[in-house]
Amino acid sequence: MSENPRDLKYSKEHEWLRQEGNTGVVGITLFAQDQLGDVVFVELPEVGRVLKAGEQFGVVESVKTVSDLYSPANGKVVAVNEKLADKPEVVNSDPYGEGWMVKLEIESVDPSLMDAEAYDKHTAGGGH
C-alpha cells in the first residue's frame, strides 16, 4: 500500500499538489525526501512571484545533495512555509503536512501531473 495520499497530484520531479479551491499547496513527496536524506536547508521563492508549471522555484539541500524544486502549476505564490527556515528537517518528518513549501493561487495545473497510483508506479521503477 502506498504512503502517498490519494487526494494529491504528483509531478515526475516528486513535488505534490493539494488543491483547495483555486489555492494549491505544494511540497515534496515522501519518496523525494527519502532519496535526499536529512534536509538541512530549504530555499523558497518570495510571496508574489508568478510561477509557470515546470519552472524551478526553490532548492532543497540535504546532507547528500542539492535538489531543485519545480512548480506543478501556473500561479502566484501567496504563502511560503517560514517554519522551514529554522526547521528544514520538518520536510523529512512530515512531507505531506507541516513540511509543505509554498501555497499558490492557481491559474492552471500542469496536465502531466499523476494521481497517486500512477506516481506509485513511477517511483517503483526508481523514480526517474
C-alpha atoms as a PDB file:
ATOM      1  CA  MET A   1       0.000   0.000   0.000  1.00  0.00           C
ATOM      2  CA  SER A   2       1.231   3.448  -0.917  1.00  0.00           C
ATOM      3  CA  GLU A   3       2.085   6.042   1.682  1.00  0.00           C
ATOM      4  CA  ASN A   4       1.279   8.755  -0.864  1.00  0.00           C
ATOM      5  CA  PRO A   5      -2.014  10.489  -0.070  1.00  0.00           C
ATOM      6  CA  ARG A   6      -4.707   9.661  -2.620  1.00  0.00           C
ATOM      7  CA  ASP A   7      -6.095  13.210  -2.779  1.00  0.00           C
ATOM      8  CA  LEU A   8      -2.889  14.745  -4.149  1.00  0.00           C
ATOM      9  CA  LYS A   9      -1.437  15.113  -7.636  1.00  0.00           C
ATOM     10  CA  TYR A  10       2.238  14.318  -8.227  1.00  0.00           C
ATOM     11  CA  SER A  11       4.917  15.518 -10.653  1.00  0.00           C
ATOM     12  CA  LYS A  12       7.622  13.334 -12.142  1.00  0.00           C
ATOM     13  CA  GLU A  13      10.091  15.605 -10.297  1.00  0.00           C
ATOM     14  CA  HIS A  14       8.498  14.450  -6.989  1.00  0.00           C
ATOM     15  CA  GLU A  15       6.522  17.508  -5.984  1.00  0.00           C
ATOM     16  CA  TRP A  16       2.953  17.113  -4.760  1.00  0.00           C
ATOM     17  CA  LEU A  17      -0.008  19.444  -5.174  1.00  0.00           C
ATOM     18  CA  ARG A  18      -3.076  19.607  -2.940  1.00  0.00           C
ATOM     19  CA  GLN A  19      -5.803  21.753  -4.470  1.00  0.00           C
ATOM     20  CA  GLU A  20      -8.118  23.647  -2.146  1.00  0.00           C
ATOM     21  CA  GLY A  21     -10.383  25.632  -4.470  1.00  0.00           C
ATOM     22  CA  ASN A  22      -8.117  27.898  -6.519  1.00  0.00           C
ATOM     23  CA  THR A  23      -5.305  27.586  -3.972  1.00  0.00           C
ATOM     24  CA  GLY A  24      -2.697  24.874  -4.244  1.00  0.00           C
ATOM     25  CA  VAL A  25      -0.353  23.682  -1.523  1.00  0.00           C
ATOM     26  CA  VAL A  26       2.979  22.324  -2.805  1.00  0.00           C
ATOM     27  CA  GLY A  27       5.640  20.173  -1.178  1.00  0.00           C
ATOM     28  CA  ILE A  28       7.954  17.274  -1.947  1.00  0.00           C
ATOM     29  CA  THR A  29       6.978  13.638  -1.683  1.00  0.00           C
ATOM     30  CA  LEU A  30       7.941  11.019   0.843  1.00  0.00           C
ATOM     31  CA  PHE A  31       9.976   9.366  -1.937  1.00  0.00           C
ATOM     32  CA  ALA A  32      11.856  12.621  -2.631  1.00  0.00           C
ATOM     33  CA  GLN A  33      12.749  13.333   0.986  1.00  0.00           C
ATOM     34  CA  ASP A  34      13.817   9.705   1.390  1.00  0.00           C
ATOM     35  CA  GLN A  35      16.134   9.997  -1.629  1.00  0.00           C
ATOM     36  CA  LEU A  36      17.528  13.295  -0.354  1.00  0.00           C
ATOM     37  CA  GLY A  37      18.249  12.146   3.183  1.00  0.00           C
ATOM     38  CA  ASP A  38      18.369  14.646   6.034  1.00  0.00           C
ATOM     39  CA  VAL A  39      17.214  18.051   4.776  1.00  0.00           C
ATOM     40  CA  VAL A  40      19.400  20.855   6.142  1.00  0.00           C
ATOM     41  CA  PHE A  41      18.250  23.896   4.134  1.00  0.00           C
ATOM     42  CA  VAL A  42      15.253  24.949   2.054  1.00  0.00           C
ATOM     43  CA  GLU A  43      15.272  27.980  -0.238  1.00  0.00           C
ATOM     44  CA  LEU A  44      11.791  29.192  -1.197  1.00  0.00           C
ATOM     45  CA  PRO A  45      10.557  31.975  -3.506  1.00  0.00           C
ATOM     46  CA  GLU A  46       9.212  35.342  -2.412  1.00  0.00           C
ATOM     47  CA  VAL A  47       5.484  35.780  -1.921  1.00  0.00           C
ATOM     48  CA  GLY A  48       4.079  37.416  -5.049  1.00  0.00           C
ATOM     49  CA  ARG A  49       6.320  35.586  -7.505  1.00  0.00           C
ATOM     50  CA  VAL A  50       4.441  34.228 -10.510  1.00  0.00           C
ATOM     51  CA  LEU A  51       5.415  30.694 -11.494  1.00  0.00           C
ATOM     52  CA  LYS A  52       4.897  28.682 -14.638  1.00  0.00           C
ATOM     53  CA  ALA A  53       4.292  24.936 -14.408  1.00  0.00           C
ATOM     54  CA  GLY A  54       7.661  23.181 -14.552  1.00  0.00           C
ATOM     55  CA  GLU A  55       9.579  26.316 -13.519  1.00  0.00           C
ATOM     56  CA  GLN A  56      12.211  25.968 -10.816  1.00  0.00           C
ATOM     57  CA  PHE A  57      11.064  27.877  -7.714  1.00  0.00           C
ATOM     58  CA  GLY A  58      13.440  26.833  -4.964  1.00  0.00           C
ATOM     59  CA  VAL A  59      16.070  24.448  -3.667  1.00  0.00           C
ATOM     60  CA  VAL A  60      16.209  21.702  -1.067  1.00  0.00           C
ATOM     61  CA  GLU A  61      19.644  20.962   0.335  1.00  0.00           C
ATOM     62  CA  SER A  62      20.385  17.769   2.221  1.00  0.00           C
ATOM     63  CA  VAL A  63      23.459  16.157   3.686  1.00  0.00           C
ATOM     64  CA  LYS A  64      23.802  14.200   0.418  1.00  0.00           C
ATOM     65  CA  THR A  65      22.779  16.550  -2.379  1.00  0.00           C
ATOM     66  CA  VAL A  66      21.054  19.705  -3.594  1.00  0.00           C
ATOM     67  CA  SER A  67      17.791  19.345  -5.478  1.00  0.00           C
ATOM     68  CA  ASP A  68      15.729  21.915  -7.374  1.00  0.00           C
ATOM     69  CA  LEU A  69      12.022  22.380  -6.712  1.00  0.00           C
ATOM     70  CA  TYR A  70       9.638  22.712  -9.668  1.00  0.00           C
ATOM     71  CA  SER A  71       6.167  24.195  -9.747  1.00  0.00           C
ATOM     72  CA  PRO A  72       3.331  21.763 -10.539  1.00  0.00           C
ATOM     73  CA  ALA A  73       1.062  24.615 -11.662  1.00  0.00           C
ATOM     74  CA  ASN A  74       0.871  28.090 -13.170  1.00  0.00           C
ATOM     75  CA  GLY A  75       0.106  30.604 -10.463  1.00  0.00           C
ATOM     76  CA  LYS A  76       1.215  33.199  -7.957  1.00  0.00           C
ATOM     77  CA  VAL A  77       2.972  32.383  -4.691  1.00  0.00           C
ATOM     78  CA  VAL A  78       0.635  33.546  -1.907  1.00  0.00           C
ATOM     79  CA  ALA A  79       2.464  31.973   1.052  1.00  0.00           C
ATOM     80  CA  VAL A  80       5.720  30.213   1.894  1.00  0.00           C
ATOM     81  CA  ASN A  81       6.354  27.947   4.849  1.00  0.00           C
ATOM     82  CA  GLU A  82       8.502  30.220   7.023  1.00  0.00           C
ATOM     83  CA  LYS A  83       8.956  27.407   9.564  1.00  0.00           C
ATOM     84  CA  LEU A  84      11.322  25.618   7.161  1.00  0.00           C
ATOM     85  CA  ALA A  85      13.932  28.384   7.515  1.00  0.00           C
ATOM     86  CA  ASP A  86      14.568  27.319  11.121  1.00  0.00           C
ATOM     87  CA  LYS A  87      13.366  23.701  10.946  1.00  0.00           C
ATOM     88  CA  PRO A  88      14.122  22.269   7.478  1.00  0.00           C
ATOM     89  CA  GLU A  89      14.022  18.752   8.962  1.00  0.00           C
ATOM     90  CA  VAL A  90      10.199  19.025   9.068  1.00  0.00           C
ATOM     91  CA  VAL A  91      10.370  18.168   5.342  1.00  0.00           C
ATOM     92  CA  ASN A  92      11.671  14.730   6.402  1.00  0.00           C
ATOM     93  CA  SER A  93       9.353  14.137   9.340  1.00  0.00           C
ATOM     94  CA  ASP A  94       6.084  15.378   7.763  1.00  0.00           C
ATOM     95  CA  PRO A  95       6.439  15.907   3.979  1.00  0.00           C
ATOM     96  CA  TYR A  96       2.658  15.946   3.357  1.00  0.00           C
ATOM     97  CA  GLY A  97       1.739  18.107   6.350  1.00  0.00           C
ATOM     98  CA  GLU A  98       3.910  20.582   8.248  1.00  0.00           C
ATOM     99  CA  GLY A  99       6.648  20.185   5.628  1.00  0.00           C
ATOM    100  CA  TRP A 100       4.672  21.942   2.866  1.00  0.00           C
ATOM    101  CA  MET A 101       6.689  24.546   0.948  1.00  0.00           C
ATOM    102  CA  VAL A 102       4.525  27.075  -0.901  1.00  0.00           C
ATOM    103  CA  LYS A 103       0.895  27.959  -1.484  1.00  0.00           C
ATOM    104  CA  LEU A 104      -0.111  29.105  -4.957  1.00  0.00           C
ATOM    105  CA  GLU A 105      -3.086  30.955  -6.321  1.00  0.00           C
ATOM    106  CA  ILE A 106      -3.582  28.576  -9.227  1.00  0.00           C
ATOM    107  CA  GLU A 107      -4.261  29.697 -12.795  1.00  0.00           C
ATOM    108  CA  SER A 108      -3.849  26.219 -14.281  1.00  0.00           C
ATOM    109  CA  VAL A 109      -2.396  22.872 -13.244  1.00  0.00           C
ATOM    110  CA  ASP A 110       0.278  21.015 -15.205  1.00  0.00           C
ATOM    111  CA  PRO A 111      -1.706  18.419 -17.200  1.00  0.00           C
ATOM    112  CA  SER A 112       1.111  15.880 -16.831  1.00  0.00           C
ATOM    113  CA  LEU A 113       0.600  15.528 -13.061  1.00  0.00           C
ATOM    114  CA  MET A 114      -0.088  11.977 -11.908  1.00  0.00           C
ATOM    115  CA  ASP A 115      -2.565  10.576  -9.443  1.00  0.00           C
ATOM    116  CA  ALA A 116      -1.184   8.573  -6.513  1.00  0.00           C
ATOM    117  CA  GLU A 117      -1.493   5.238  -8.324  1.00  0.00           C
ATOM    118  CA  ALA A 118       0.479   6.451 -11.351  1.00  0.00           C
ATOM    119  CA  TYR A 119       3.063   8.077  -9.070  1.00  0.00           C
ATOM    120  CA  ASP A 120       3.459   4.793  -7.161  1.00  0.00           C
ATOM    121  CA  LYS A 121       4.295   3.099 -10.467  1.00  0.00           C
ATOM    122  CA  HIS A 122       6.668   5.942 -11.411  1.00  0.00           C
ATOM    123  CA  THR A 123       8.640   5.605  -8.164  1.00  0.00           C
ATOM    124  CA  ALA A 124       8.582   1.790  -8.176  1.00  0.00           C
ATOM    125  CA  GLY A 125      10.969   1.978 -11.117  1.00  0.00           C
ATOM    126  CA  GLY A 126      13.416   4.215  -9.276  1.00  0.00           C
ATOM    127  CA  GLY A 127      11.611   7.480  -9.911  1.00  0.00           C
ATOM    128  CA  HIS A 128      13.462   8.822 -12.920  1.00  0.00           C
END
